[in-house]
Amino acid sequence: MTEEAVDSEPTRIVSLKPPAGNSQFRITRVSPAYWRVTIDHPPFNIYGPDSMPQLNSIITAIEQDEPLKVVVFNSAVPGFFLTHYDFVPPLEQTTSMPPGPTGLPPLPDMLVRLSRAPVVSIVSIRGRASGVGSELALASDMRFASRENAILSQFEIGAGFMPGGGPMARLPRLIGRGRALEILLSGNDITGDIAERYGYVNRALPDTELDGFVDALACRIATFDKHTIADIKALVNDASLPPNEALAAEWSGFLASVQRPAAQRNIGKLMELGLQTDPDVEINLARYTGQVSASADE
């Protein structure tokens, strides 16, 4: 088993080549057919413009590696799987990035490519998967969560803007309209047990069993014929994935809504409270966004 950073992985979008020595994602090749991708960007696994080229390198490697059959995404940061977008860099750093091979902007492009890749993608969620973390999970083929230590959420409504990575298109297909609206319009945290009951994740397992279960499933899938895996996945995709246009609309909606005065005010208040710096704010994001939204109505 070998582990490496993604800095040297090939990328189709040359301008998104990651800077040397700044690796937020690591590939561990368990075998030629089975990789783990570990998210390691402490303290909170926040996703930002500097994450784009690194995730692109991962997705490109997944697409291009012929022996690869299954990839598992997990986290090395205690308490966090992958969280929200980084609100510190100017928005122009994101909007100036060129589209990816699908013609979509970088984040929806990469999530679409992951969904449609002829490789099985699995997320193993221990800790908080908010915003982009939830969206990466929804774009993956299977989701497994720690019963005690997983939290999923689309928190964005509480900060006054809409999500941009596909949950409006993906969640209703996965869990139904009513439950999708509950998650998206409440901005509340969803525990592992409730996520399993709703179908947000495949299963919630005791924390001590999560790694072993996911590893055993990935190892089993890795023994099967890749062409058969790809054929089955392609037909399931045809029956279940949203059209690219729906994902493009969400990204446009995110960019428009995050620039509105109400969103800028709420994000500013959250940053003052300690968003991206204070562990209590990141851990209890639903409570803090609720406070900020309530104060805006007073």
Protein backbone atom coordinates (compact mmCIF):
# COMPACT_ATOMS: atom_id res chain seq x y z
CA MET A 1 0.00 0.00 0.00
CA THR A 2 1.46 3.37 -0.99
CA GLU A 3 0.45 6.91 -0.15
CA GLU A 4 1.21 10.07 -2.06
CA ALA A 5 0.16 13.67 -2.39
CA VAL A 6 -1.71 14.75 -5.50
CA ASP A 7 0.61 17.57 -6.54
CA SER A 8 2.14 15.50 -9.35
CA GLU A 9 -1.12 14.03 -10.65
CA PRO A 10 -2.03 15.05 -14.22
CA THR A 11 -4.81 17.56 -14.82
CA ARG A 12 -6.79 18.49 -17.91
CA ILE A 13 -7.24 22.08 -16.78
CA VAL A 14 -3.68 23.36 -16.92
CA SER A 15 -4.48 26.64 -15.19
CA LEU A 16 -5.76 24.73 -12.16
CA LYS A 17 -2.50 22.93 -11.47
CA PRO A 18 -2.09 22.80 -7.67
CA PRO A 19 0.82 24.63 -6.03
CA ALA A 20 3.66 22.41 -4.89
CA GLY A 21 3.69 21.45 -1.23
CA ASN A 22 0.03 22.37 -0.60
CA SER A 23 -1.85 19.10 -0.60
CA GLN A 24 -5.35 18.91 0.88
CA PHE A 25 -6.08 15.50 -0.65
CA ARG A 26 -3.93 12.36 -0.48
CA ILE A 27 -4.24 9.20 -2.52
CA THR A 28 -3.50 5.91 -0.81
CA ARG A 29 -3.30 3.07 -3.31
CA VAL A 30 -4.57 0.12 -1.28
CA SER A 31 -4.26 -1.94 -4.46
CA PRO A 32 -4.24 -1.11 -8.18
CA ALA A 33 -8.04 -1.47 -8.17
CA TYR A 34 -8.80 0.30 -4.86
CA TRP A 35 -7.74 3.77 -3.76
CA ARG A 36 -8.49 5.85 -0.70
CA VAL A 37 -8.62 9.63 -1.04
CA THR A 38 -8.05 11.26 2.34
CA ILE A 39 -9.07 14.88 2.91
CA ASP A 40 -6.48 16.50 5.15
CA HIS A 41 -6.86 20.28 5.44
CA PRO A 42 -6.92 21.11 9.15
CA PRO A 43 -8.39 22.47 11.24
CA PHE A 44 -11.84 22.19 9.60
CA ASN A 45 -11.40 20.76 6.07
CA ILE A 46 -12.77 23.96 4.57
CA TYR A 47 -13.03 23.89 0.76
CA GLY A 48 -11.95 26.95 -1.21
CA PRO A 49 -10.48 28.16 -4.50
CA ASP A 50 -7.14 26.58 -3.63
CA SER A 51 -8.92 23.24 -3.25
CA MET A 52 -10.24 23.29 -6.82
CA PRO A 53 -7.05 22.26 -8.66
CA GLN A 54 -6.28 19.58 -6.11
CA LEU A 55 -9.71 17.96 -6.33
CA ASN A 56 -9.47 18.26 -10.11
CA SER A 57 -6.22 16.30 -10.01
CA ILE A 58 -7.95 13.59 -8.00
CA ILE A 59 -10.95 13.35 -10.34
CA THR A 60 -8.69 13.32 -13.40
CA ALA A 61 -6.59 10.52 -11.90
CA ILE A 62 -9.75 8.52 -11.16
CA GLU A 63 -10.95 8.97 -14.75
CA GLN A 64 -7.63 8.04 -16.35
CA ASP A 65 -6.38 5.12 -14.26
CA GLU A 66 -7.34 1.96 -16.13
CA PRO A 67 -6.95 -0.61 -13.30
CA LEU A 68 -8.91 1.50 -10.79
CA LYS A 69 -12.38 0.19 -9.91
CA VAL A 70 -13.33 1.76 -6.56
CA VAL A 71 -12.30 4.84 -4.58
CA VAL A 72 -13.18 5.71 -0.97
CA PHE A 73 -13.17 9.31 0.29
CA ASN A 74 -12.45 9.78 3.99
CA SER A 75 -10.92 12.38 6.30
CA ALA A 76 -7.81 12.66 8.45
CA VAL A 77 -9.16 15.65 10.44
CA PRO A 78 -11.04 14.68 13.63
CA GLY A 79 -14.60 15.97 13.69
CA PHE A 80 -14.73 17.05 10.06
CA PHE A 81 -15.23 15.17 6.78
CA LEU A 82 -15.41 18.19 4.43
CA THR A 83 -17.11 21.47 5.18
CA HIS A 84 -18.31 24.67 3.56
CA TYR A 85 -16.77 26.97 1.00
CA ASP A 86 -14.03 29.35 2.13
CA PHE A 87 -15.46 32.85 2.61
CA VAL A 88 -12.09 34.61 3.05
CA PRO A 89 -10.72 34.75 -0.54
CA PRO A 90 -12.36 37.25 -2.90
CA LEU A 91 -15.17 35.69 -4.90
CA GLU A 92 -13.32 36.63 -8.10
CA GLN A 93 -10.80 33.89 -7.37
CA THR A 94 -13.64 31.43 -7.91
CA THR A 95 -15.56 33.12 -10.70
CA SER A 96 -12.41 33.68 -12.80
CA MET A 97 -11.64 29.96 -13.04
CA PRO A 98 -12.23 28.41 -16.47
CA PRO A 99 -14.85 25.71 -16.97
CA GLY A 100 -13.92 22.07 -16.84
CA PRO A 101 -14.18 19.40 -19.56
CA THR A 102 -17.98 19.16 -19.19
CA GLY A 103 -18.33 22.88 -19.87
CA LEU A 104 -19.55 23.44 -16.30
CA PRO A 105 -17.75 25.65 -13.77
CA PRO A 106 -15.03 23.80 -11.85
CA LEU A 107 -16.90 22.47 -8.79
CA PRO A 108 -20.04 21.19 -10.55
CA ASP A 109 -17.82 19.94 -13.36
CA MET A 110 -15.78 17.79 -10.98
CA LEU A 111 -18.85 16.47 -9.16
CA VAL A 112 -20.50 15.52 -12.46
CA ARG A 113 -17.35 13.76 -13.62
CA LEU A 114 -17.12 11.83 -10.36
CA SER A 115 -20.74 10.68 -10.70
CA ARG A 116 -20.21 9.58 -14.29
CA ALA A 117 -16.72 8.07 -13.97
CA PRO A 118 -16.53 4.30 -14.68
CA VAL A 119 -15.25 3.86 -11.12
CA VAL A 120 -17.32 3.30 -7.97
CA SER A 121 -17.06 6.22 -5.52
CA ILE A 122 -17.82 5.77 -1.81
CA VAL A 123 -17.70 8.32 1.00
CA SER A 124 -17.00 7.30 4.58
CA ILE A 125 -18.33 10.14 6.74
CA ARG A 126 -16.95 10.62 10.21
CA GLY A 127 -17.47 14.18 11.43
CA ARG A 128 -19.22 17.09 9.77
CA ALA A 129 -20.11 17.04 6.07
CA SER A 130 -21.60 20.49 5.45
CA GLY A 131 -22.05 22.38 2.23
CA VAL A 132 -19.42 21.11 -0.19
CA GLY A 133 -18.91 18.03 2.00
CA SER A 134 -22.57 17.08 1.64
CA GLU A 135 -22.39 17.83 -2.08
CA LEU A 136 -19.35 15.60 -2.58
CA ALA A 137 -21.20 12.86 -0.72
CA LEU A 138 -24.30 13.29 -2.90
CA ALA A 139 -22.20 13.17 -6.08
CA SER A 140 -20.58 9.91 -4.97
CA ASP A 141 -22.16 6.56 -5.65
CA MET A 142 -22.54 5.41 -2.04
CA ARG A 143 -22.47 7.08 1.35
CA PHE A 144 -21.74 5.47 4.73
CA ALA A 145 -21.72 7.36 8.01
CA SER A 146 -20.64 6.97 11.61
CA ARG A 147 -23.77 6.61 13.73
CA GLU A 148 -22.23 8.53 16.61
CA ASN A 149 -19.95 10.99 14.83
CA ALA A 150 -21.42 11.96 11.45
CA ILE A 151 -23.33 15.18 10.78
CA LEU A 152 -24.59 16.15 7.33
CA SER A 153 -26.11 19.48 6.41
CA GLN A 154 -26.88 22.01 3.75
CA PHE A 155 -26.56 24.99 6.07
CA GLU A 156 -26.61 27.73 3.42
CA ILE A 157 -30.19 28.95 3.97
CA GLY A 158 -29.20 30.08 7.46
CA ALA A 159 -26.51 32.34 6.02
CA GLY A 160 -28.85 33.84 3.43
CA PHE A 161 -27.72 32.14 0.23
CA MET A 162 -28.40 28.96 -1.72
CA PRO A 163 -26.16 25.92 -2.17
CA GLY A 164 -24.21 25.62 -5.40
CA GLY A 165 -22.95 22.04 -5.67
CA GLY A 166 -26.07 20.19 -6.72
CA PRO A 167 -28.18 19.29 -3.65
CA MET A 168 -31.43 20.73 -5.04
CA ALA A 169 -31.06 18.48 -8.09
CA ARG A 170 -29.70 15.41 -6.29
CA LEU A 171 -31.52 15.26 -2.95
CA PRO A 172 -35.12 15.00 -4.27
CA ARG A 173 -34.09 12.11 -6.51
CA LEU A 174 -32.43 10.42 -3.56
CA ILE A 175 -34.79 11.02 -0.61
CA GLY A 176 -37.96 12.59 -2.02
CA ARG A 177 -39.21 16.14 -2.34
CA GLY A 178 -40.46 16.72 1.20
CA ARG A 179 -37.36 15.48 2.96
CA ALA A 180 -35.14 17.35 0.51
CA LEU A 181 -36.98 20.58 1.28
CA GLU A 182 -36.72 19.88 5.02
CA ILE A 183 -32.94 19.58 4.77
CA LEU A 184 -32.47 22.51 2.41
CA LEU A 185 -34.93 24.95 4.02
CA SER A 186 -34.19 24.20 7.69
CA GLY A 187 -30.40 24.24 7.40
CA ASN A 188 -30.41 21.88 10.37
CA ASP A 189 -27.85 19.22 11.20
CA ILE A 190 -28.79 15.69 10.15
CA THR A 191 -27.38 12.95 12.36
CA GLY A 192 -26.16 9.64 11.02
CA ASP A 193 -29.29 7.81 12.20
CA ILE A 194 -31.69 10.28 10.59
CA ALA A 195 -29.57 10.40 7.43
CA GLU A 196 -29.91 6.62 7.16
CA ARG A 197 -33.67 6.75 7.80
CA TYR A 198 -34.12 9.40 5.11
CA GLY A 199 -31.83 7.72 2.58
CA TYR A 200 -29.33 10.60 2.69
CA VAL A 201 -26.73 7.87 3.37
CA ASN A 202 -26.84 4.17 2.54
CA ARG A 203 -26.18 3.11 6.13
CA ALA A 204 -25.17 4.55 9.48
CA LEU A 205 -22.88 2.17 11.30
CA PRO A 206 -21.37 2.15 14.79
CA ASP A 207 -18.24 4.24 14.63
CA THR A 208 -16.03 1.26 15.48
CA GLU A 209 -17.46 -0.69 12.52
CA LEU A 210 -17.46 2.05 9.86
CA ASP A 211 -13.92 1.66 8.53
CA GLY A 212 -14.04 -2.14 8.43
CA PHE A 213 -17.40 -2.22 6.66
CA VAL A 214 -16.40 0.32 4.01
CA ASP A 215 -13.03 -1.33 3.44
CA ALA A 216 -14.61 -4.78 3.05
CA LEU A 217 -17.17 -3.45 0.57
CA ALA A 218 -14.52 -1.61 -1.45
CA CYS A 219 -12.26 -4.69 -1.50
CA ARG A 220 -15.16 -6.83 -2.72
CA ILE A 221 -16.09 -4.42 -5.51
CA ALA A 222 -12.41 -4.24 -6.49
CA THR A 223 -12.47 -7.96 -7.36
CA PHE A 224 -15.21 -7.55 -9.99
CA ASP A 225 -14.84 -6.89 -13.72
CA LYS A 226 -14.41 -3.17 -14.43
CA HIS A 227 -16.38 -3.19 -17.69
CA THR A 228 -19.34 -4.76 -15.92
CA ILE A 229 -19.08 -2.23 -13.09
CA ALA A 230 -19.02 0.61 -15.63
CA ASP A 231 -21.98 -0.80 -17.59
CA ILE A 232 -24.14 -1.19 -14.47
CA LYS A 233 -23.22 2.25 -13.18
CA ALA A 234 -23.94 3.89 -16.56
CA LEU A 235 -27.47 2.49 -16.65
CA VAL A 236 -28.15 3.47 -13.04
CA ASN A 237 -26.85 6.94 -13.90
CA ASP A 238 -29.28 7.17 -16.80
CA ALA A 239 -32.14 6.42 -14.42
CA SER A 240 -31.10 8.63 -11.54
CA LEU A 241 -28.69 11.50 -12.24
CA PRO A 242 -29.90 15.06 -12.83
CA PRO A 243 -29.09 16.78 -16.11
CA ASN A 244 -25.97 18.95 -16.22
CA GLU A 245 -28.14 22.01 -16.86
CA ALA A 246 -29.73 21.65 -13.42
CA LEU A 247 -26.33 21.66 -11.77
CA ALA A 248 -25.21 24.67 -13.78
CA ALA A 249 -28.30 26.55 -12.60
CA GLU A 250 -27.47 25.80 -8.97
CA TRP A 251 -23.94 27.16 -9.31
CA SER A 252 -25.23 30.33 -10.96
CA GLY A 253 -27.78 30.66 -8.17
CA PHE A 254 -25.10 30.27 -5.51
CA LEU A 255 -22.91 32.96 -7.06
CA ALA A 256 -25.82 35.37 -7.39
CA SER A 257 -27.26 34.76 -3.92
CA VAL A 258 -23.97 34.88 -2.02
CA GLN A 259 -23.42 38.43 -3.29
CA ARG A 260 -26.78 39.74 -2.07
CA PRO A 261 -26.68 42.23 0.84
CA ALA A 262 -28.46 39.86 3.21
CA ALA A 263 -25.97 37.07 2.56
CA GLN A 264 -22.99 39.40 2.86
CA ARG A 265 -24.35 40.70 6.17
CA ASN A 266 -24.95 37.21 7.55
CA ILE A 267 -21.57 35.89 6.41
CA GLY A 268 -19.90 38.93 7.98
CA LYS A 269 -21.67 38.31 11.29
CA LEU A 270 -20.71 34.64 11.21
CA MET A 271 -17.09 35.56 10.55
CA GLU A 272 -17.21 37.95 13.52
CA LEU A 273 -18.56 35.13 15.70
CA GLY A 274 -15.65 32.91 14.66
CA LEU A 275 -16.61 31.11 11.45
CA GLN A 276 -13.48 29.43 10.04
CA THR A 277 -11.51 30.16 13.23
CA ASP A 278 -13.54 29.02 16.26
CA PRO A 279 -14.19 25.26 16.52
CA ASP A 280 -17.46 25.88 18.39
CA VAL A 281 -18.90 27.82 15.45
CA GLU A 282 -17.87 25.18 12.92
CA ILE A 283 -19.15 22.32 15.08
CA ASN A 284 -22.45 24.07 15.88
CA LEU A 285 -23.00 25.76 12.54
CA ALA A 286 -26.78 25.27 12.55
CA ARG A 287 -27.12 27.03 15.93
CA TYR A 288 -25.00 29.98 14.89
CA THR A 289 -26.68 30.46 11.51
CA GLY A 290 -30.01 30.38 13.33
CA GLN A 291 -28.85 33.12 15.68
CA VAL A 292 -27.59 35.27 12.83
CA SER A 293 -30.82 34.85 10.84
CA ALA A 294 -32.95 35.65 13.87
CA SER A 295 -30.97 38.81 14.65
CA ALA A 296 -31.42 40.02 11.07
CA ASP A 297 -35.22 39.98 11.53
CA GLU A 298 -35.18 42.04 14.74
